[in-house]
Protein backbone atom coordinates (compact mmCIF):
# COMPACT_ATOMS: atom_id res chain seq x y z
CA MET A 1 -26.70 238.72 8.40
CA ARG A 2 -23.89 237.56 10.68
CA LYS A 3 -21.32 237.89 7.86
CA ILE A 4 -22.29 241.52 7.25
CA PHE A 5 -21.95 242.24 10.97
CA THR A 6 -18.53 240.60 11.09
CA LEU A 7 -17.30 242.52 8.04
CA ARG A 8 -18.48 245.81 9.51
CA VAL A 9 -16.73 245.14 12.82
CA LYS A 10 -13.57 244.16 10.93
CA ASN A 11 -13.74 247.50 9.10
CA VAL A 12 -14.08 249.32 12.42
CA LEU A 13 -11.05 247.46 13.77
CA THR A 14 -9.05 248.30 10.65
CA GLU A 15 -9.98 251.97 11.04
CA ARG A 16 -8.55 251.73 14.58
CA ASN A 17 -5.24 250.40 13.19
CA VAL A 18 -5.78 246.87 14.45
CA ARG A 19 -3.65 244.39 12.52
CA TYR A 20 -5.66 242.24 10.11
CA ASP A 21 -4.57 238.99 11.80
CA VAL A 22 -5.48 240.34 15.23
CA ALA A 23 -8.91 241.30 13.89
CA ASP A 24 -9.33 237.81 12.45
CA ALA A 25 -8.25 236.24 15.74
CA ILE A 26 -10.68 238.32 17.77
CA LEU A 27 -13.55 237.80 15.36
CA GLY A 28 -12.71 234.09 15.26
CA ALA A 29 -13.52 233.89 18.95
CA GLY A 30 -16.98 235.27 18.26
CA SER A 31 -18.99 237.81 20.17
CA ASP A 32 -22.14 239.79 19.66
CA ASP A 33 -20.90 242.64 21.84
CA VAL A 34 -19.15 245.14 19.57
CA ARG A 35 -17.69 247.18 22.44
CA ARG A 36 -16.09 244.13 24.06
CA THR A 37 -14.85 242.92 20.69
CA ILE A 38 -13.12 246.24 20.09
CA LEU A 39 -11.62 246.19 23.58
CA ARG A 40 -10.26 242.66 23.13
CA ALA A 41 -8.83 243.68 19.75
CA ALA A 42 -7.07 246.70 21.24
CA THR A 43 -5.56 244.58 24.01
CA LEU A 44 -4.39 241.86 21.64
CA ASN A 45 -3.10 244.38 19.12
CA GLU A 46 -0.95 245.96 21.81
CA ALA A 47 0.30 242.57 23.02
CA ALA A 48 1.17 241.58 19.44
CA SER A 49 2.99 244.83 18.71
CA GLU A 50 6.47 244.81 17.23
CA GLU A 51 7.91 246.08 20.53
CA ARG A 52 6.48 243.10 22.45
CA ARG A 53 7.06 240.43 19.80
CA ASP A 54 9.67 238.49 21.79
CA GLU A 55 7.44 238.09 24.84
CA PHE A 56 4.26 237.53 22.80
CA ARG A 57 5.42 234.78 20.43
CA PRO A 58 5.97 232.17 23.20
CA ILE A 59 2.51 232.94 24.59
CA VAL A 60 0.93 232.27 21.19
CA GLU A 61 2.93 229.05 20.81
CA ALA A 62 1.88 227.81 24.25
CA PHE A 63 -1.78 228.68 23.64
CA ASN A 64 -1.88 227.07 20.21
CA ARG A 65 -0.28 223.89 21.47
CA ALA A 66 -2.72 223.71 24.39
CA CYS A 67 -5.67 224.36 22.06
CA ASN A 68 -4.57 221.77 19.51
CA LEU A 69 -4.30 219.01 22.09
CA GLY A 70 -7.26 220.27 24.13
CA ALA A 71 -9.44 219.78 21.05
CA LYS A 72 -8.87 216.03 21.46
CA ALA A 73 -10.47 215.99 24.90
CA ASP A 74 -13.86 214.42 25.38
CA SER A 75 -14.32 215.87 28.86
CA ARG A 76 -13.55 218.89 30.99
CA GLN A 77 -13.38 216.84 34.19
CA VAL A 78 -9.93 216.94 35.77
CA ASP A 79 -9.04 214.53 38.56
CA ALA A 80 -6.05 215.75 40.57
CA ASN A 81 -5.57 212.20 41.87
CA LEU A 82 -4.45 211.18 38.38
CA PHE A 83 -1.58 213.68 38.21
CA ALA A 84 1.61 211.72 37.71
CA ASP A 85 3.94 214.72 37.41
CA ALA A 86 4.32 217.88 39.49
CA ALA A 87 3.94 219.99 36.33
CA GLU A 88 0.34 218.75 35.98
CA GLY A 89 -0.59 219.94 39.45
CA SER A 90 1.22 223.22 38.96
CA LEU A 91 -0.55 223.85 35.66
CA TYR A 92 -3.93 222.97 37.14
CA GLU A 93 -3.41 225.33 40.08
CA ALA A 94 -2.20 228.08 37.73
CA TRP A 95 -5.26 227.56 35.51
CA GLN A 96 -7.64 227.72 38.49
CA THR A 97 -6.16 231.07 39.53
CA ALA A 98 -6.03 232.42 35.99
CA HIS A 99 -9.55 231.18 35.20
CA GLY A 100 -11.08 232.99 38.17
CA THR A 101 -9.31 236.21 37.25
CA PHE A 102 -10.12 235.76 33.56
CA VAL A 103 -13.85 235.20 34.10
CA LYS A 104 -14.11 238.21 36.42
CA ALA A 105 -12.13 240.44 34.05
CA ILE A 106 -14.20 239.41 31.02
CA ALA A 107 -17.41 240.08 32.93
CA GLU A 108 -16.12 243.56 33.78
CA ALA A 109 -14.85 244.16 30.22
CA ASP A 110 -11.31 244.52 31.58
CA THR A 111 -9.60 242.94 28.59
CA ASP A 112 -6.11 243.91 29.74
CA ALA A 113 -6.59 241.95 32.98
CA ALA A 114 -8.21 239.08 31.08
CA PHE A 115 -5.26 238.80 28.72
CA ALA A 116 -2.78 239.13 31.58
CA ALA A 117 -4.51 236.25 33.37
CA LEU A 118 -4.17 234.09 30.29
CA ALA A 119 -0.58 235.19 29.63
CA ALA A 120 0.32 234.10 33.18
CA LEU A 121 -0.27 230.54 31.98
CA LYS A 122 2.61 230.65 29.49
CA GLU A 123 5.27 229.39 31.90
CA PRO A 124 3.21 226.60 33.48
CA VAL A 125 2.00 225.47 30.04
CA THR A 126 5.54 225.51 28.66
CA THR A 127 6.86 223.58 31.67
CA PHE A 128 4.00 221.10 31.34
CA PHE A 129 4.87 220.39 27.70
CA GLU A 130 8.58 220.14 28.50
CA THR A 131 8.11 217.58 31.27
CA VAL A 132 4.88 215.68 30.55
CA MET A 133 4.02 213.27 27.77
CA VAL A 134 0.39 214.26 27.17
CA MET A 135 -0.50 211.15 25.19
CA ALA A 136 0.40 208.75 28.00
CA GLU A 137 -0.19 205.03 27.57
CA ASP A 138 -2.52 205.01 30.58
CA GLU A 139 -5.86 206.07 29.11
CA ALA A 140 -7.14 207.69 32.33
CA VAL A 141 -3.97 209.78 32.69
CA ARG A 142 -4.09 210.77 29.01
CA ARG A 143 -7.78 211.76 29.20
CA ASN A 144 -7.08 213.76 32.36
CA ARG A 145 -4.23 215.65 30.71
CA LEU A 146 -6.33 216.39 27.65
CA ALA A 147 -9.17 217.61 29.88
CA LEU A 148 -6.77 219.99 31.63
CA LEU A 149 -5.61 221.36 28.29
CA ALA A 150 -9.23 221.68 27.14
CA LEU A 151 -10.02 223.88 30.15
CA ILE A 152 -7.15 226.17 29.22
CA ALA A 153 -8.16 226.09 25.56
CA ASP A 154 -11.72 227.10 26.42
CA ASP A 155 -10.51 230.29 28.11
CA VAL A 156 -7.98 231.05 25.38
CA LYS A 157 -10.56 230.58 22.62
CA ALA A 158 -13.05 232.77 24.49
CA PHE A 159 -10.55 235.61 24.12
CA ALA A 160 -9.22 235.01 20.59
CA ASP A 161 -8.40 232.38 18.00
CA PHE A 162 -4.62 232.57 18.35
CA THR A 163 -4.11 230.26 15.36
CA LYS A 164 -5.01 233.21 13.12
CA LEU A 165 -2.08 235.31 14.32
CA VAL A 166 0.83 235.78 11.94
CA GLY A 167 4.42 236.37 13.02
């Protein structure tokens, strides 16, 4: 039954001129709330538009990289005492702010604000990857970094599966 539901929602999104890859990304995140699914699709479709391509592509790259490494985490427990680089602390603080805004916006079905909260993580995530070696030799530091990325990935994947986006 779930497959029929998903196909019907995808048809509705297509009728609303949502790109096929955006529909796949939104449906890949899962949701049983059709209204919220449609709202998330509209927000992501706008963000992925041709006019915004240059600002959107780096967001997708940052999210996908965070999600790929975050999938290797075995915990969501982050210990700020293990931060060895300023970029770790900055990213953690940025995530805490974004997470609070994201959760509130999702609860209120304000998908524009939810996406904006996530998009605000692009710079701190990019800086993190430019300055930090995630797979550090010290196992505790490595696990802590992966846990931080997993927290970000959880929020990103709650909005959409960005790996499904094309171009």
